[in-house]
């Protein structure tokens, strides 16, 4: 009986040693496979996708807040940025009416900050006839100010036209502030009243 127990213990120990050796051997043999899988996973994190005729939309409370269209665009997963060529778009109010329309040579949307940046021949028109032209315009998000930089031209119908280095607007363009070297022409029925201001 004692010999039988010794044989079982020896057999069990041999099975454990064989299994352990098999695990160690499989770990050594599959090392290259595991390394290549890690590299592939790292590559997946930094993918770049290019698309033609791209449309981006953001909604707030199940209503469209803005939409962007581009002739072509690309997405870089490492930066979370969408780059849009020949960008066009609209911003909507709570009644689903267009309040701002814009166009630009290049648009950038950052999915983390939800910021839209337009560069090159950038032009915005509001529903009341106000318009902004600038080298670069940044929308920081709903309710946030719109920032325009470089060769800024602000006009409102035929009432006035302002030139400035920089300008800041509220989101519905009912208030703006210009800075840098500025020039404003205000038009009335009687005469033109040019003003030049320097900050």
C-alpha atoms as a PDB file:
ATOM      1  CA  UNK A   1       0.000   0.000   0.000  1.00  0.00           C
ATOM      2  CA  UNK A   2       2.827   2.323   0.857  1.00  0.00           C
ATOM      3  CA  UNK A   3       4.543   1.559  -2.455  1.00  0.00           C
ATOM      4  CA  UNK A   4       1.336   2.347  -4.314  1.00  0.00           C
ATOM      5  CA  UNK A   5       1.170   5.798  -2.676  1.00  0.00           C
ATOM      6  CA  UNK A   6       4.821   6.450  -3.567  1.00  0.00           C
ATOM      7  CA  UNK A   7       4.131   5.506  -7.185  1.00  0.00           C
ATOM      8  CA  UNK A   8       1.097   7.867  -7.300  1.00  0.00           C
ATOM      9  CA  UNK A   9       3.095  10.698  -5.773  1.00  0.00           C
ATOM     10  CA  UNK A  10       5.940  10.143  -8.231  1.00  0.00           C
ATOM     11  CA  UNK A  11       3.517   9.976 -11.173  1.00  0.00           C
ATOM     12  CA  UNK A  12       1.674  13.110 -10.003  1.00  0.00           C
ATOM     13  CA  UNK A  13       5.005  14.935  -9.562  1.00  0.00           C
ATOM     14  CA  UNK A  14       6.108  13.879 -13.052  1.00  0.00           C
ATOM     15  CA  UNK A  15       2.824  15.123 -14.559  1.00  0.00           C
ATOM     16  CA  UNK A  16       3.209  18.460 -12.747  1.00  0.00           C
ATOM     17  CA  UNK A  17       6.831  18.776 -13.959  1.00  0.00           C
ATOM     18  CA  UNK A  18       5.844  17.922 -17.542  1.00  0.00           C
ATOM     19  CA  UNK A  19       3.000  20.493 -17.459  1.00  0.00           C
ATOM     20  CA  UNK A  20       5.312  23.110 -15.959  1.00  0.00           C
ATOM     21  CA  UNK A  21       7.956  22.398 -18.612  1.00  0.00           C
ATOM     22  CA  UNK A  22       5.268  22.654 -21.311  1.00  0.00           C
ATOM     23  CA  UNK A  23       4.096  26.046 -20.021  1.00  0.00           C
ATOM     24  CA  UNK A  24       7.668  27.358 -19.880  1.00  0.00           C
ATOM     25  CA  UNK A  25       8.393  26.026 -23.357  1.00  0.00           C
ATOM     26  CA  UNK A  26       5.201  27.575 -24.828  1.00  0.00           C
ATOM     27  CA  UNK A  27       6.034  30.916 -23.167  1.00  0.00           C
ATOM     28  CA  UNK A  28       9.507  30.901 -24.778  1.00  0.00           C
ATOM     29  CA  UNK A  29       8.219  29.781 -28.188  1.00  0.00           C
ATOM     30  CA  UNK A  30       5.397  32.360 -28.362  1.00  0.00           C
ATOM     31  CA  UNK A  31       7.539  35.344 -27.272  1.00  0.00           C
ATOM     32  CA  UNK A  32       7.880  36.679 -30.838  1.00  0.00           C
ATOM     33  CA  UNK A  33       4.136  36.352 -31.451  1.00  0.00           C
ATOM     34  CA  UNK A  34       3.307  38.283 -28.266  1.00  0.00           C
ATOM     35  CA  UNK A  35       5.764  41.070 -29.184  1.00  0.00           C
ATOM     36  CA  UNK A  36       4.289  41.458 -32.682  1.00  0.00           C
ATOM     37  CA  UNK A  37       0.764  41.648 -31.204  1.00  0.00           C
ATOM     38  CA  UNK A  38       1.867  44.425 -28.834  1.00  0.00           C
ATOM     39  CA  UNK A  39       3.333  46.369 -31.757  1.00  0.00           C
ATOM     40  CA  UNK A  40       0.120  45.935 -33.751  1.00  0.00           C
ATOM     41  CA  UNK A  41      -1.942  47.200 -30.811  1.00  0.00           C
ATOM     42  CA  UNK A  42       0.352  50.239 -30.532  1.00  0.00           C
ATOM     43  CA  UNK A  43      -0.029  50.881 -34.254  1.00  0.00           C
ATOM     44  CA  UNK A  44      -3.832  50.723 -33.915  1.00  0.00           C
ATOM     45  CA  UNK A  45      -3.706  53.585 -31.426  1.00  0.00           C
ATOM     46  CA  UNK A  46      -2.065  55.893 -33.977  1.00  0.00           C
ATOM     47  CA  UNK A  47      -4.166  55.378 -37.069  1.00  0.00           C
ATOM     48  CA  UNK A  48      -4.812  58.006 -39.717  1.00  0.00           C
ATOM     49  CA  UNK A  49      -7.951  57.761 -41.849  1.00  0.00           C
ATOM     50  CA  UNK A  50      -8.639  59.812 -44.995  1.00  0.00           C
ATOM     51  CA  UNK A  51     -12.172  60.315 -46.329  1.00  0.00           C
ATOM     52  CA  UNK A  52     -13.744  62.191 -49.249  1.00  0.00           C
ATOM     53  CA  UNK A  53     -17.016  64.130 -48.909  1.00  0.00           C
ATOM     54  CA  UNK A  54     -16.985  64.113 -45.120  1.00  0.00           C
ATOM     55  CA  UNK A  55     -19.857  65.376 -42.934  1.00  0.00           C
ATOM     56  CA  UNK A  56     -19.476  65.954 -39.161  1.00  0.00           C
ATOM     57  CA  UNK A  57     -22.392  66.840 -36.900  1.00  0.00           C
ATOM     58  CA  UNK A  58     -22.616  67.693 -33.214  1.00  0.00           C
ATOM     59  CA  UNK A  59     -25.896  67.573 -31.327  1.00  0.00           C
ATOM     60  CA  UNK A  60     -26.935  69.112 -28.024  1.00  0.00           C
ATOM     61  CA  UNK A  61     -30.039  67.801 -26.261  1.00  0.00           C
ATOM     62  CA  UNK A  62     -30.891  65.698 -29.347  1.00  0.00           C
ATOM     63  CA  UNK A  63     -30.876  68.776 -31.623  1.00  0.00           C
ATOM     64  CA  UNK A  64     -28.250  69.642 -34.233  1.00  0.00           C
ATOM     65  CA  UNK A  65     -25.865  72.288 -32.869  1.00  0.00           C
ATOM     66  CA  UNK A  66     -23.511  72.423 -35.861  1.00  0.00           C
ATOM     67  CA  UNK A  67     -22.592  70.524 -38.991  1.00  0.00           C
ATOM     68  CA  UNK A  68     -19.427  70.561 -41.099  1.00  0.00           C
ATOM     69  CA  UNK A  69     -18.969  69.412 -44.663  1.00  0.00           C
ATOM     70  CA  UNK A  70     -15.599  68.969 -46.373  1.00  0.00           C
ATOM     71  CA  UNK A  71     -14.508  67.899 -49.838  1.00  0.00           C
ATOM     72  CA  UNK A  72     -11.981  65.646 -48.121  1.00  0.00           C
ATOM     73  CA  UNK A  73     -10.776  65.104 -44.599  1.00  0.00           C
ATOM     74  CA  UNK A  74      -8.495  63.044 -42.424  1.00  0.00           C
ATOM     75  CA  UNK A  75      -8.574  61.813 -38.825  1.00  0.00           C
ATOM     76  CA  UNK A  76      -5.495  61.221 -36.672  1.00  0.00           C
ATOM     77  CA  UNK A  77      -6.308  59.020 -33.677  1.00  0.00           C
ATOM     78  CA  UNK A  78      -3.117  60.008 -31.821  1.00  0.00           C
ATOM     79  CA  UNK A  79      -4.173  63.682 -31.656  1.00  0.00           C
ATOM     80  CA  UNK A  80      -7.953  63.239 -31.909  1.00  0.00           C
ATOM     81  CA  UNK A  81      -8.026  65.869 -34.671  1.00  0.00           C
ATOM     82  CA  UNK A  82     -10.130  65.889 -37.819  1.00  0.00           C
ATOM     83  CA  UNK A  83      -8.574  67.988 -40.621  1.00  0.00           C
ATOM     84  CA  UNK A  84     -11.038  69.213 -43.267  1.00  0.00           C
ATOM     85  CA  UNK A  85     -10.176  70.623 -46.712  1.00  0.00           C
ATOM     86  CA  UNK A  86     -12.588  73.179 -48.187  1.00  0.00           C
ATOM     87  CA  UNK A  87     -14.797  73.236 -45.107  1.00  0.00           C
ATOM     88  CA  UNK A  88     -18.387  74.522 -45.148  1.00  0.00           C
ATOM     89  CA  UNK A  89     -20.797  74.496 -42.264  1.00  0.00           C
ATOM     90  CA  UNK A  90     -23.737  75.809 -40.288  1.00  0.00           C
ATOM     91  CA  UNK A  91     -24.546  76.515 -36.653  1.00  0.00           C
ATOM     92  CA  UNK A  92     -28.150  76.116 -35.523  1.00  0.00           C
ATOM     93  CA  UNK A  93     -30.267  77.643 -32.747  1.00  0.00           C
ATOM     94  CA  UNK A  94     -32.706  75.742 -30.507  1.00  0.00           C
ATOM     95  CA  UNK A  95     -35.459  76.149 -33.167  1.00  0.00           C
ATOM     96  CA  UNK A  96     -33.233  74.286 -35.674  1.00  0.00           C
ATOM     97  CA  UNK A  97     -32.702  77.485 -37.708  1.00  0.00           C
ATOM     98  CA  UNK A  98     -29.331  78.370 -39.224  1.00  0.00           C
ATOM     99  CA  UNK A  99     -27.795  81.255 -37.256  1.00  0.00           C
ATOM    100  CA  UNK A 100     -24.257  81.150 -38.697  1.00  0.00           C
ATOM    101  CA  UNK A 101     -22.824  79.790 -41.927  1.00  0.00           C
ATOM    102  CA  UNK A 102     -19.132  79.585 -42.719  1.00  0.00           C
ATOM    103  CA  UNK A 103     -16.565  78.497 -45.261  1.00  0.00           C
ATOM    104  CA  UNK A 104     -12.810  78.088 -45.057  1.00  0.00           C
ATOM    105  CA  UNK A 105      -9.900  76.516 -46.922  1.00  0.00           C
ATOM    106  CA  UNK A 106      -8.987  74.333 -43.936  1.00  0.00           C
ATOM    107  CA  UNK A 107     -10.980  73.368 -40.858  1.00  0.00           C
ATOM    108  CA  UNK A 108      -9.768  71.472 -37.805  1.00  0.00           C
ATOM    109  CA  UNK A 109     -12.038  69.800 -35.262  1.00  0.00           C
ATOM    110  CA  UNK A 110     -10.588  68.493 -31.993  1.00  0.00           C
ATOM    111  CA  UNK A 111     -12.815  65.745 -30.596  1.00  0.00           C
ATOM    112  CA  UNK A 112     -11.435  66.136 -27.055  1.00  0.00           C
ATOM    113  CA  UNK A 113     -11.856  69.925 -26.667  1.00  0.00           C
ATOM    114  CA  UNK A 114     -14.806  70.140 -29.153  1.00  0.00           C
ATOM    115  CA  UNK A 115     -13.046  73.154 -30.687  1.00  0.00           C
ATOM    116  CA  UNK A 116     -13.369  74.105 -34.364  1.00  0.00           C
ATOM    117  CA  UNK A 117     -10.555  76.121 -35.946  1.00  0.00           C
ATOM    118  CA  UNK A 118     -10.878  77.563 -39.468  1.00  0.00           C
ATOM    119  CA  UNK A 119      -7.824  78.816 -41.429  1.00  0.00           C
ATOM    120  CA  UNK A 120      -7.349  80.423 -44.827  1.00  0.00           C
ATOM    121  CA  UNK A 121      -9.981  82.549 -46.602  1.00  0.00           C
ATOM    122  CA  UNK A 122     -12.307  82.131 -43.659  1.00  0.00           C
ATOM    123  CA  UNK A 123     -15.713  83.754 -43.966  1.00  0.00           C
ATOM    124  CA  UNK A 124     -18.694  83.692 -41.579  1.00  0.00           C
ATOM    125  CA  UNK A 125     -22.170  85.124 -42.201  1.00  0.00           C
ATOM    126  CA  UNK A 126     -24.836  85.443 -39.499  1.00  0.00           C
ATOM    127  CA  UNK A 127     -28.601  85.343 -40.070  1.00  0.00           C
ATOM    128  CA  UNK A 128     -28.836  89.120 -39.452  1.00  0.00           C
ATOM    129  CA  UNK A 129     -26.367  89.959 -42.258  1.00  0.00           C
ATOM    130  CA  UNK A 130     -23.299  90.404 -40.042  1.00  0.00           C
ATOM    131  CA  UNK A 131     -20.144  88.892 -41.478  1.00  0.00           C
ATOM    132  CA  UNK A 132     -16.561  88.183 -40.435  1.00  0.00           C
ATOM    133  CA  UNK A 133     -13.519  87.560 -42.622  1.00  0.00           C
ATOM    134  CA  UNK A 134     -10.201  86.561 -41.067  1.00  0.00           C
ATOM    135  CA  UNK A 135      -7.078  84.452 -41.521  1.00  0.00           C
ATOM    136  CA  UNK A 136      -8.141  82.247 -38.599  1.00  0.00           C
ATOM    137  CA  UNK A 137     -11.378  81.851 -36.633  1.00  0.00           C
ATOM    138  CA  UNK A 138     -11.838  79.603 -33.591  1.00  0.00           C
ATOM    139  CA  UNK A 139     -15.144  78.336 -32.175  1.00  0.00           C
ATOM    140  CA  UNK A 140     -14.521  77.134 -28.630  1.00  0.00           C
ATOM    141  CA  UNK A 141     -17.962  75.604 -28.090  1.00  0.00           C
ATOM    142  CA  UNK A 142     -21.603  76.465 -27.503  1.00  0.00           C
ATOM    143  CA  UNK A 143     -21.977  79.661 -25.516  1.00  0.00           C
ATOM    144  CA  UNK A 144     -18.238  80.401 -25.776  1.00  0.00           C
ATOM    145  CA  UNK A 145     -16.727  83.376 -27.598  1.00  0.00           C
ATOM    146  CA  UNK A 146     -15.630  83.182 -31.223  1.00  0.00           C
ATOM    147  CA  UNK A 147     -12.044  84.399 -31.711  1.00  0.00           C
ATOM    148  CA  UNK A 148     -10.858  85.855 -35.045  1.00  0.00           C
ATOM    149  CA  UNK A 149      -7.181  86.582 -35.780  1.00  0.00           C
ATOM    150  CA  UNK A 150      -5.304  88.151 -38.670  1.00  0.00           C
ATOM    151  CA  UNK A 151      -6.727  90.635 -41.205  1.00  0.00           C
ATOM    152  CA  UNK A 152     -10.118  90.675 -39.495  1.00  0.00           C
ATOM    153  CA  UNK A 153     -12.935  92.437 -41.345  1.00  0.00           C
ATOM    154  CA  UNK A 154     -16.277  92.773 -39.568  1.00  0.00           C
ATOM    155  CA  UNK A 155     -19.308  94.220 -41.338  1.00  0.00           C
ATOM    156  CA  UNK A 156     -23.004  94.500 -40.639  1.00  0.00           C
ATOM    157  CA  UNK A 157     -25.222  94.987 -43.660  1.00  0.00           C
ATOM    158  CA  UNK A 158     -24.444  98.525 -44.855  1.00  0.00           C
ATOM    159  CA  UNK A 159     -24.165 100.057 -41.361  1.00  0.00           C
ATOM    160  CA  UNK A 160     -20.442  99.713 -40.671  1.00  0.00           C
ATOM    161  CA  UNK A 161     -17.218  97.950 -41.557  1.00  0.00           C
ATOM    162  CA  UNK A 162     -14.303  97.381 -39.162  1.00  0.00           C
ATOM    163  CA  UNK A 163     -10.747  96.242 -39.850  1.00  0.00           C
ATOM    164  CA  UNK A 164      -8.628  94.861 -36.997  1.00  0.00           C
ATOM    165  CA  UNK A 165      -5.795  92.507 -36.074  1.00  0.00           C
ATOM    166  CA  UNK A 166      -8.010  90.493 -33.712  1.00  0.00           C
ATOM    167  CA  UNK A 167     -11.641  90.326 -32.669  1.00  0.00           C
ATOM    168  CA  UNK A 168     -13.767  88.484 -30.123  1.00  0.00           C
ATOM    169  CA  UNK A 169     -17.485  87.804 -30.654  1.00  0.00           C
ATOM    170  CA  UNK A 170     -20.220  86.278 -28.537  1.00  0.00           C
ATOM    171  CA  UNK A 171     -21.712  83.102 -30.002  1.00  0.00           C
ATOM    172  CA  UNK A 172     -24.659  84.806 -31.735  1.00  0.00           C
ATOM    173  CA  UNK A 173     -22.594  87.784 -33.021  1.00  0.00           C
ATOM    174  CA  UNK A 174     -24.656  90.386 -31.146  1.00  0.00           C
ATOM    175  CA  UNK A 175     -21.523  91.709 -29.399  1.00  0.00           C
ATOM    176  CA  UNK A 176     -17.942  92.019 -30.592  1.00  0.00           C
ATOM    177  CA  UNK A 177     -14.683  93.561 -29.443  1.00  0.00           C
ATOM    178  CA  UNK A 178     -11.814  94.430 -31.793  1.00  0.00           C
ATOM    179  CA  UNK A 179      -8.174  94.900 -30.832  1.00  0.00           C
ATOM    180  CA  UNK A 180      -4.805  95.765 -32.323  1.00  0.00           C
ATOM    181  CA  UNK A 181      -4.597  98.383 -35.067  1.00  0.00           C
ATOM    182  CA  UNK A 182      -8.214  99.013 -35.988  1.00  0.00           C
ATOM    183  CA  UNK A 183     -10.213 101.136 -38.379  1.00  0.00           C
ATOM    184  CA  UNK A 184     -13.989 101.447 -38.351  1.00  0.00           C
ATOM    185  CA  UNK A 185     -16.235 103.137 -40.878  1.00  0.00           C
ATOM    186  CA  UNK A 186     -19.797 103.835 -39.782  1.00  0.00           C
ATOM    187  CA  UNK A 187     -22.279 104.694 -42.522  1.00  0.00           C
ATOM    188  CA  UNK A 188     -25.377 106.799 -42.157  1.00  0.00           C
ATOM    189  CA  UNK A 189     -27.867 108.274 -44.599  1.00  0.00           C
ATOM    190  CA  UNK A 190     -26.071 111.639 -44.430  1.00  0.00           C
ATOM    191  CA  UNK A 191     -22.348 110.970 -44.454  1.00  0.00           C
ATOM    192  CA  UNK A 192     -19.477 108.576 -43.730  1.00  0.00           C
ATOM    193  CA  UNK A 193     -17.778 108.885 -40.350  1.00  0.00           C
ATOM    194  CA  UNK A 194     -14.395 107.126 -40.394  1.00  0.00           C
ATOM    195  CA  UNK A 195     -12.703 106.452 -37.052  1.00  0.00           C
ATOM    196  CA  UNK A 196      -9.264 105.041 -36.438  1.00  0.00           C
ATOM    197  CA  UNK A 197      -8.491 103.551 -33.040  1.00  0.00           C
ATOM    198  CA  UNK A 198      -5.223 102.114 -31.820  1.00  0.00           C
ATOM    199  CA  UNK A 199      -4.915  99.980 -28.690  1.00  0.00           C
END
